[in-house]
Amino acid sequence: MIRVRKSADRGHADHGWLDAHHSFSFAEFYDPDFMGYRTLRVLNEDRIAPGRGFGKHAHRNMEIVTIVLEGELKHADSLGNGETILPGEVQRMTAGSGVQHSEFNASETEGLHLLQIWIEPDRNELPPSYEQTAFPSEEKLDRLRLVASPDGADGSVTIHQDVRLYQSELTAGATVAHTFGTGRAGWLQVTHGVLDVDGTALVAGDGAVIEEVDALSITAREREDARFLLFDLA
């Protein structure tokens, strides 16, 4: 079964400097049918104006994964990390027993477009930690590239939960396939282009719950490249 979460049905908050879309209930947006999916709790698509961002604030007991789609993100945290995250890089922060951080658009002239993902950890009060890894486009071209996993397989960032996150960049007409293990399910999020997912059309901003599917086929529309994330969830 594939259940589509249309882009237009997501929560939307326009703060001027921040234009945000929420796939799941977040802040003032509440949707009882989309409180999260399994251990995937937050999936926000944010566009941040030049020089603006989120000042220092605290998190606790959450795995936070940030993926920059366009622009540059400036990160600083109470662990002493000060980094710039670029497109193609994945940032993972374990909030655990408590961490403070700030996230700003590093440019004073260009916009920033990113995805912020929260995953519930497999246990609370973990020591806070930080990780950042680059995944070149060629590693994602017409294939599923593992970028986050519980065991750091294939150089992916390590998250404290039984979730495997893949990224893919499909050329027009290309197809990739994924097989789910027994009892597992998926969430697919399109970031660019149009996909055919086992006969279901998804456009940029759309998400989809994938349940009771053993093997999934994902194809980019002819004459148009596409990009997406696929979560394989316990």
C-alpha atoms as a PDB file:
ATOM      1  CA  MET A   1       0.000   0.000   0.000  1.00  0.00           C
ATOM      2  CA  ILE A   2       1.197   3.486  -0.891  1.00  0.00           C
ATOM      3  CA  ARG A   3      -0.513   6.381   0.903  1.00  0.00           C
ATOM      4  CA  VAL A   4       0.392   9.780  -0.526  1.00  0.00           C
ATOM      5  CA  ARG A   5       0.962  12.895   1.569  1.00  0.00           C
ATOM      6  CA  LYS A   6       0.482  15.647  -1.023  1.00  0.00           C
ATOM      7  CA  SER A   7       2.777  18.629  -0.818  1.00  0.00           C
ATOM      8  CA  ALA A   8      -0.155  21.049  -0.584  1.00  0.00           C
ATOM      9  CA  ASP A   9      -1.581  19.183   2.422  1.00  0.00           C
ATOM     10  CA  ARG A  10       1.498  19.735   4.569  1.00  0.00           C
ATOM     11  CA  GLY A  11       1.556  22.318   7.290  1.00  0.00           C
ATOM     12  CA  HIS A  12       2.828  25.716   6.139  1.00  0.00           C
ATOM     13  CA  ALA A  13       4.350  28.564   8.119  1.00  0.00           C
ATOM     14  CA  ASP A  14       5.604  31.764   6.484  1.00  0.00           C
ATOM     15  CA  HIS A  15       7.573  33.923   8.915  1.00  0.00           C
ATOM     16  CA  GLY A  16       9.079  36.146   6.233  1.00  0.00           C
ATOM     17  CA  TRP A  17      12.651  35.042   6.825  1.00  0.00           C
ATOM     18  CA  LEU A  18      11.525  31.386   7.092  1.00  0.00           C
ATOM     19  CA  ASP A  19       9.171  29.579   4.726  1.00  0.00           C
ATOM     20  CA  ALA A  20       8.539  26.125   6.184  1.00  0.00           C
ATOM     21  CA  HIS A  21       6.490  23.089   5.214  1.00  0.00           C
ATOM     22  CA  HIS A  22       5.803  20.351   7.771  1.00  0.00           C
ATOM     23  CA  SER A  23       5.027  16.791   6.663  1.00  0.00           C
ATOM     24  CA  PHE A  24       4.046  15.959  10.262  1.00  0.00           C
ATOM     25  CA  SER A  25       2.554  17.879  13.167  1.00  0.00           C
ATOM     26  CA  PHE A  26       5.059  20.477  14.310  1.00  0.00           C
ATOM     27  CA  ALA A  27       4.961  23.674  16.384  1.00  0.00           C
ATOM     28  CA  GLU A  28       1.519  25.250  15.810  1.00  0.00           C
ATOM     29  CA  PHE A  29       0.602  22.865  12.988  1.00  0.00           C
ATOM     30  CA  TYR A  30      -1.433  19.876  14.158  1.00  0.00           C
ATOM     31  CA  ASP A  31      -2.675  16.995  12.018  1.00  0.00           C
ATOM     32  CA  PRO A  32      -3.851  13.957  14.031  1.00  0.00           C
ATOM     33  CA  ASP A  33      -3.407  11.730  10.959  1.00  0.00           C
ATOM     34  CA  PHE A  34       0.243  12.741  10.573  1.00  0.00           C
ATOM     35  CA  MET A  35       1.866  12.908  13.992  1.00  0.00           C
ATOM     36  CA  GLY A  36       4.925  11.211  12.539  1.00  0.00           C
ATOM     37  CA  TYR A  37       5.433   7.795  11.042  1.00  0.00           C
ATOM     38  CA  ARG A  38       6.906   4.999  13.158  1.00  0.00           C
ATOM     39  CA  THR A  39      10.098   6.517  14.599  1.00  0.00           C
ATOM     40  CA  LEU A  40      10.194   9.323  12.012  1.00  0.00           C
ATOM     41  CA  ARG A  41       8.832  12.266  13.990  1.00  0.00           C
ATOM     42  CA  VAL A  42       9.630  15.440  12.018  1.00  0.00           C
ATOM     43  CA  LEU A  43      10.266  16.116   8.336  1.00  0.00           C
ATOM     44  CA  ASN A  44      10.434  19.850   7.650  1.00  0.00           C
ATOM     45  CA  GLU A  45      11.319  21.524   4.368  1.00  0.00           C
ATOM     46  CA  ASP A  46      12.705  24.977   5.186  1.00  0.00           C
ATOM     47  CA  ARG A  47      13.686  27.929   3.016  1.00  0.00           C
ATOM     48  CA  ILE A  48      15.694  30.492   4.978  1.00  0.00           C
ATOM     49  CA  ALA A  49      16.423  34.055   3.866  1.00  0.00           C
ATOM     50  CA  PRO A  50      20.017  35.313   3.495  1.00  0.00           C
ATOM     51  CA  GLY A  51      21.748  35.938   6.807  1.00  0.00           C
ATOM     52  CA  ARG A  52      18.814  34.650   8.856  1.00  0.00           C
ATOM     53  CA  GLY A  53      18.280  31.488  10.857  1.00  0.00           C
ATOM     54  CA  PHE A  54      17.585  29.866  14.195  1.00  0.00           C
ATOM     55  CA  GLY A  55      19.392  31.341  17.190  1.00  0.00           C
ATOM     56  CA  LYS A  56      20.762  29.206  19.997  1.00  0.00           C
ATOM     57  CA  HIS A  57      18.120  26.804  21.301  1.00  0.00           C
ATOM     58  CA  ALA A  58      18.027  23.472  23.099  1.00  0.00           C
ATOM     59  CA  HIS A  59      17.088  19.923  22.086  1.00  0.00           C
ATOM     60  CA  ARG A  60      16.924  16.707  24.067  1.00  0.00           C
ATOM     61  CA  ASN A  61      16.453  12.999  23.279  1.00  0.00           C
ATOM     62  CA  MET A  62      16.173  13.229  19.503  1.00  0.00           C
ATOM     63  CA  GLU A  63      18.282  12.213  16.512  1.00  0.00           C
ATOM     64  CA  ILE A  64      18.420  15.266  14.227  1.00  0.00           C
ATOM     65  CA  VAL A  65      19.466  14.873  10.595  1.00  0.00           C
ATOM     66  CA  THR A  66      19.862  17.904   8.335  1.00  0.00           C
ATOM     67  CA  ILE A  67      20.268  17.743   4.559  1.00  0.00           C
ATOM     68  CA  VAL A  68      21.077  20.910   2.606  1.00  0.00           C
ATOM     69  CA  LEU A  69      19.459  21.000  -0.842  1.00  0.00           C
ATOM     70  CA  GLU A  70      20.638  24.476  -1.925  1.00  0.00           C
ATOM     71  CA  GLY A  71      22.844  27.063  -0.261  1.00  0.00           C
ATOM     72  CA  GLU A  72      25.076  26.824   2.803  1.00  0.00           C
ATOM     73  CA  LEU A  73      24.133  26.226   6.446  1.00  0.00           C
ATOM     74  CA  LYS A  74      26.260  27.594   9.299  1.00  0.00           C
ATOM     75  CA  HIS A  75      26.100  25.411  12.416  1.00  0.00           C
ATOM     76  CA  ALA A  76      27.382  25.994  15.949  1.00  0.00           C
ATOM     77  CA  ASP A  77      26.661  23.979  19.095  1.00  0.00           C
ATOM     78  CA  SER A  78      27.449  23.593  22.783  1.00  0.00           C
ATOM     79  CA  LEU A  79      29.748  20.652  21.975  1.00  0.00           C
ATOM     80  CA  GLY A  80      32.199  23.087  20.391  1.00  0.00           C
ATOM     81  CA  ASN A  81      31.370  22.316  16.770  1.00  0.00           C
ATOM     82  CA  GLY A  82      31.308  25.152  14.259  1.00  0.00           C
ATOM     83  CA  GLU A  83      30.728  23.900  10.726  1.00  0.00           C
ATOM     84  CA  THR A  84      29.300  24.864   7.351  1.00  0.00           C
ATOM     85  CA  ILE A  85      27.075  22.246   5.714  1.00  0.00           C
ATOM     86  CA  LEU A  86      26.958  22.229   1.919  1.00  0.00           C
ATOM     87  CA  PRO A  87      24.669  20.513  -0.610  1.00  0.00           C
ATOM     88  CA  GLY A  88      25.560  16.825  -0.752  1.00  0.00           C
ATOM     89  CA  GLU A  89      26.465  16.724   2.938  1.00  0.00           C
ATOM     90  CA  VAL A  90      24.469  15.118   5.747  1.00  0.00           C
ATOM     91  CA  GLN A  91      24.627  16.399   9.317  1.00  0.00           C
ATOM     92  CA  ARG A  92      23.647  14.208  12.265  1.00  0.00           C
ATOM     93  CA  MET A  93      23.303  15.491  15.796  1.00  0.00           C
ATOM     94  CA  THR A  94      22.357  13.300  18.736  1.00  0.00           C
ATOM     95  CA  ALA A  95      20.649  15.635  21.197  1.00  0.00           C
ATOM     96  CA  GLY A  96      20.586  12.941  23.883  1.00  0.00           C
ATOM     97  CA  SER A  97      20.887  14.311  27.424  1.00  0.00           C
ATOM     98  CA  GLY A  98      20.829  17.861  26.082  1.00  0.00           C
ATOM     99  CA  VAL A  99      22.529  20.101  23.537  1.00  0.00           C
ATOM    100  CA  GLN A 100      22.206  23.690  22.363  1.00  0.00           C
ATOM    101  CA  HIS A 101      22.808  24.764  18.792  1.00  0.00           C
ATOM    102  CA  SER A 102      22.190  27.501  16.247  1.00  0.00           C
ATOM    103  CA  GLU A 103      21.606  27.161  12.497  1.00  0.00           C
ATOM    104  CA  PHE A 104      21.928  30.111  10.091  1.00  0.00           C
ATOM    105  CA  ASN A 105      22.042  30.748   6.385  1.00  0.00           C
ATOM    106  CA  ALA A 106      25.773  31.272   5.829  1.00  0.00           C
ATOM    107  CA  SER A 107      25.176  33.609   2.874  1.00  0.00           C
ATOM    108  CA  GLU A 108      24.141  37.255   3.042  1.00  0.00           C
ATOM    109  CA  THR A 109      22.889  37.179  -0.565  1.00  0.00           C
ATOM    110  CA  GLU A 110      21.631  33.672  -1.427  1.00  0.00           C
ATOM    111  CA  GLY A 111      18.722  31.672  -0.037  1.00  0.00           C
ATOM    112  CA  LEU A 112      19.048  28.379   1.845  1.00  0.00           C
ATOM    113  CA  HIS A 113      16.869  25.312   1.189  1.00  0.00           C
ATOM    114  CA  LEU A 114      17.121  22.320   3.501  1.00  0.00           C
ATOM    115  CA  LEU A 115      15.375  19.360   5.064  1.00  0.00           C
ATOM    116  CA  GLN A 116      15.408  18.879   8.822  1.00  0.00           C
ATOM    117  CA  ILE A 117      14.547  15.404  10.076  1.00  0.00           C
ATOM    118  CA  TRP A 118      13.909  14.247  13.641  1.00  0.00           C
ATOM    119  CA  ILE A 119      14.036  10.565  14.504  1.00  0.00           C
ATOM    120  CA  GLU A 120      13.127   9.195  17.914  1.00  0.00           C
ATOM    121  CA  PRO A 121      16.195   7.476  19.427  1.00  0.00           C
ATOM    122  CA  ASP A 122      16.244   3.866  20.592  1.00  0.00           C
ATOM    123  CA  ARG A 123      17.002   5.092  24.133  1.00  0.00           C
ATOM    124  CA  ASN A 124      17.019   8.390  25.991  1.00  0.00           C
ATOM    125  CA  GLU A 125      19.792  10.342  27.685  1.00  0.00           C
ATOM    126  CA  LEU A 126      22.501   9.369  25.201  1.00  0.00           C
ATOM    127  CA  PRO A 127      25.709  11.433  25.270  1.00  0.00           C
ATOM    128  CA  PRO A 128      25.269  14.302  22.797  1.00  0.00           C
ATOM    129  CA  SER A 129      27.362  13.959  19.638  1.00  0.00           C
ATOM    130  CA  TYR A 130      27.813  15.393  16.150  1.00  0.00           C
ATOM    131  CA  GLU A 131      28.707  13.986  12.732  1.00  0.00           C
ATOM    132  CA  GLN A 132      28.915  15.450   9.221  1.00  0.00           C
ATOM    133  CA  THR A 133      29.679  13.544   6.008  1.00  0.00           C
ATOM    134  CA  ALA A 134      29.730  14.414   2.296  1.00  0.00           C
ATOM    135  CA  PHE A 135      28.098  12.116  -0.264  1.00  0.00           C
ATOM    136  CA  PRO A 136      29.081  13.101  -3.835  1.00  0.00           C
ATOM    137  CA  SER A 137      26.372  13.165  -6.487  1.00  0.00           C
ATOM    138  CA  GLU A 138      28.019  10.362  -8.435  1.00  0.00           C
ATOM    139  CA  GLU A 139      27.424   8.034  -5.489  1.00  0.00           C
ATOM    140  CA  LYS A 140      23.685   8.775  -5.660  1.00  0.00           C
ATOM    141  CA  LEU A 141      23.311   8.822  -9.442  1.00  0.00           C
ATOM    142  CA  ASP A 142      20.697   6.274 -10.551  1.00  0.00           C
ATOM    143  CA  ARG A 143      21.120   4.312  -7.341  1.00  0.00           C
ATOM    144  CA  LEU A 144      20.111   4.386  -3.698  1.00  0.00           C
ATOM    145  CA  ARG A 145      22.951   5.709  -1.551  1.00  0.00           C
ATOM    146  CA  LEU A 146      22.776   4.862   2.162  1.00  0.00           C
ATOM    147  CA  VAL A 147      23.452   8.106   4.043  1.00  0.00           C
ATOM    148  CA  ALA A 148      22.280   7.271   7.603  1.00  0.00           C
ATOM    149  CA  SER A 149      22.031   3.949   9.434  1.00  0.00           C
ATOM    150  CA  PRO A 150      22.268   2.438  12.924  1.00  0.00           C
ATOM    151  CA  ASP A 151      25.672   0.892  12.211  1.00  0.00           C
ATOM    152  CA  GLY A 152      27.353   3.489   9.996  1.00  0.00           C
ATOM    153  CA  ALA A 153      27.417   1.056   7.064  1.00  0.00           C
ATOM    154  CA  ASP A 154      29.082   2.174   3.821  1.00  0.00           C
ATOM    155  CA  GLY A 155      30.321   5.364   5.437  1.00  0.00           C
ATOM    156  CA  SER A 156      26.841   6.591   6.374  1.00  0.00           C
ATOM    157  CA  VAL A 157      26.297   8.763   9.431  1.00  0.00           C
ATOM    158  CA  THR A 158      25.309   6.769  12.516  1.00  0.00           C
ATOM    159  CA  ILE A 159      21.878   7.255  14.059  1.00  0.00           C
ATOM    160  CA  HIS A 160      20.680   5.633  17.269  1.00  0.00           C
ATOM    161  CA  GLN A 161      17.610   3.943  15.811  1.00  0.00           C
ATOM    162  CA  ASP A 162      16.795   1.087  13.429  1.00  0.00           C
ATOM    163  CA  VAL A 163      16.299   3.395  10.453  1.00  0.00           C
ATOM    164  CA  ARG A 164      18.123   3.404   7.142  1.00  0.00           C
ATOM    165  CA  LEU A 165      17.965   6.573   5.093  1.00  0.00           C
ATOM    166  CA  TYR A 166      18.805   6.595   1.386  1.00  0.00           C
ATOM    167  CA  GLN A 167      19.225   9.421  -1.113  1.00  0.00           C
ATOM    168  CA  SER A 168      18.982   9.105  -4.874  1.00  0.00           C
ATOM    169  CA  GLU A 169      19.424  11.341  -7.911  1.00  0.00           C
ATOM    170  CA  LEU A 170      17.702   9.766 -10.908  1.00  0.00           C
ATOM    171  CA  THR A 171      18.311  10.791 -14.486  1.00  0.00           C
ATOM    172  CA  ALA A 172      15.218  11.075 -16.678  1.00  0.00           C
ATOM    173  CA  GLY A 173      13.602   7.671 -17.182  1.00  0.00           C
ATOM    174  CA  ALA A 174      15.936   5.835 -14.781  1.00  0.00           C
ATOM    175  CA  THR A 175      14.635   3.287 -12.262  1.00  0.00           C
ATOM    176  CA  VAL A 176      15.864   2.035  -8.898  1.00  0.00           C
ATOM    177  CA  ALA A 177      14.386  -0.698  -6.712  1.00  0.00           C
ATOM    178  CA  HIS A 178      14.333  -1.343  -2.978  1.00  0.00           C
ATOM    179  CA  THR A 179      13.366  -4.433  -1.005  1.00  0.00           C
ATOM    180  CA  PHE A 180      11.915  -4.130   2.489  1.00  0.00           C
ATOM    181  CA  GLY A 181      12.534  -6.744   5.141  1.00  0.00           C
ATOM    182  CA  THR A 182       9.747  -8.488   7.032  1.00  0.00           C
ATOM    183  CA  GLY A 183       7.728  -6.063   9.139  1.00  0.00           C
ATOM    184  CA  ARG A 184       9.502  -2.983   7.797  1.00  0.00           C
ATOM    185  CA  ALA A 185       7.922  -0.015   6.063  1.00  0.00           C
ATOM    186  CA  GLY A 186       8.981   3.147   4.294  1.00  0.00           C
ATOM    187  CA  TRP A 187       8.523   6.849   3.881  1.00  0.00           C
ATOM    188  CA  LEU A 188       9.522   8.398   0.552  1.00  0.00           C
ATOM    189  CA  GLN A 189      10.012  12.158   0.155  1.00  0.00           C
ATOM    190  CA  VAL A 190      10.452  13.798  -3.254  1.00  0.00           C
ATOM    191  CA  THR A 191      12.690  16.875  -3.345  1.00  0.00           C
ATOM    192  CA  HIS A 192      12.956  17.494  -7.104  1.00  0.00           C
ATOM    193  CA  GLY A 193      11.126  16.318 -10.208  1.00  0.00           C
ATOM    194  CA  VAL A 194       8.398  13.733 -10.673  1.00  0.00           C
ATOM    195  CA  LEU A 195       8.480  10.050  -9.728  1.00  0.00           C
ATOM    196  CA  ASP A 196       6.450   6.983 -10.570  1.00  0.00           C
ATOM    197  CA  VAL A 197       6.415   4.800  -7.454  1.00  0.00           C
ATOM    198  CA  ASP A 198       4.855   1.451  -8.300  1.00  0.00           C
ATOM    199  CA  GLY A 199       2.322   3.254 -10.514  1.00  0.00           C
ATOM    200  CA  THR A 200       1.716   6.189  -8.130  1.00  0.00           C
ATOM    201  CA  ALA A 201       2.826   9.639  -9.313  1.00  0.00           C
ATOM    202  CA  LEU A 202       4.654  11.850  -6.808  1.00  0.00           C
ATOM    203  CA  VAL A 203       5.898  15.391  -7.395  1.00  0.00           C
ATOM    204  CA  ALA A 204       8.378  17.564  -5.513  1.00  0.00           C
ATOM    205  CA  GLY A 205       7.191  18.100  -1.940  1.00  0.00           C
ATOM    206  CA  ASP A 206       5.053  14.964  -1.905  1.00  0.00           C
ATOM    207  CA  GLY A 207       5.694  12.197   0.606  1.00  0.00           C
ATOM    208  CA  ALA A 208       4.318   8.679   0.825  1.00  0.00           C
ATOM    209  CA  VAL A 209       3.819   5.970   3.411  1.00  0.00           C
ATOM    210  CA  ILE A 210       4.861   2.577   2.025  1.00  0.00           C
ATOM    211  CA  GLU A 211       3.452  -0.453   3.833  1.00  0.00           C
ATOM    212  CA  GLU A 212       3.069  -4.152   3.055  1.00  0.00           C
ATOM    213  CA  VAL A 213       5.299  -3.764   0.014  1.00  0.00           C
ATOM    214  CA  ASP A 214       8.105  -6.275  -0.436  1.00  0.00           C
ATOM    215  CA  ALA A 215       9.818  -4.698  -3.446  1.00  0.00           C
ATOM    216  CA  LEU A 216       9.468  -1.072  -4.499  1.00  0.00           C
ATOM    217  CA  SER A 217      10.158   0.319  -7.979  1.00  0.00           C
ATOM    218  CA  ILE A 218      10.919   4.046  -8.336  1.00  0.00           C
ATOM    219  CA  THR A 219      11.213   5.692 -11.767  1.00  0.00           C
ATOM    220  CA  ALA A 220      11.961   9.278 -12.813  1.00  0.00           C
ATOM    221  CA  ARG A 221       9.644  10.774 -15.417  1.00  0.00           C
ATOM    222  CA  GLU A 222      10.967  10.821 -18.984  1.00  0.00           C
ATOM    223  CA  ARG A 223      12.859  14.029 -19.885  1.00  0.00           C
ATOM    224  CA  GLU A 224      13.092  15.173 -16.251  1.00  0.00           C
ATOM    225  CA  ASP A 225      15.604  14.304 -13.528  1.00  0.00           C
ATOM    226  CA  ALA A 226      14.348  13.607 -10.008  1.00  0.00           C
ATOM    227  CA  ARG A 227      15.712  13.436  -6.468  1.00  0.00           C
ATOM    228  CA  PHE A 228      14.278  11.841  -3.366  1.00  0.00           C
ATOM    229  CA  LEU A 229      14.841  10.396   0.103  1.00  0.00           C
ATOM    230  CA  LEU A 230      13.731   6.920   1.149  1.00  0.00           C
ATOM    231  CA  PHE A 231      13.437   5.918   4.817  1.00  0.00           C
ATOM    232  CA  ASP A 232      13.461   2.183   5.618  1.00  0.00           C
ATOM    233  CA  LEU A 233      11.828   1.966   9.045  1.00  0.00           C
ATOM    234  CA  ALA A 234      11.439  -0.818  11.622  1.00  0.00           C
END
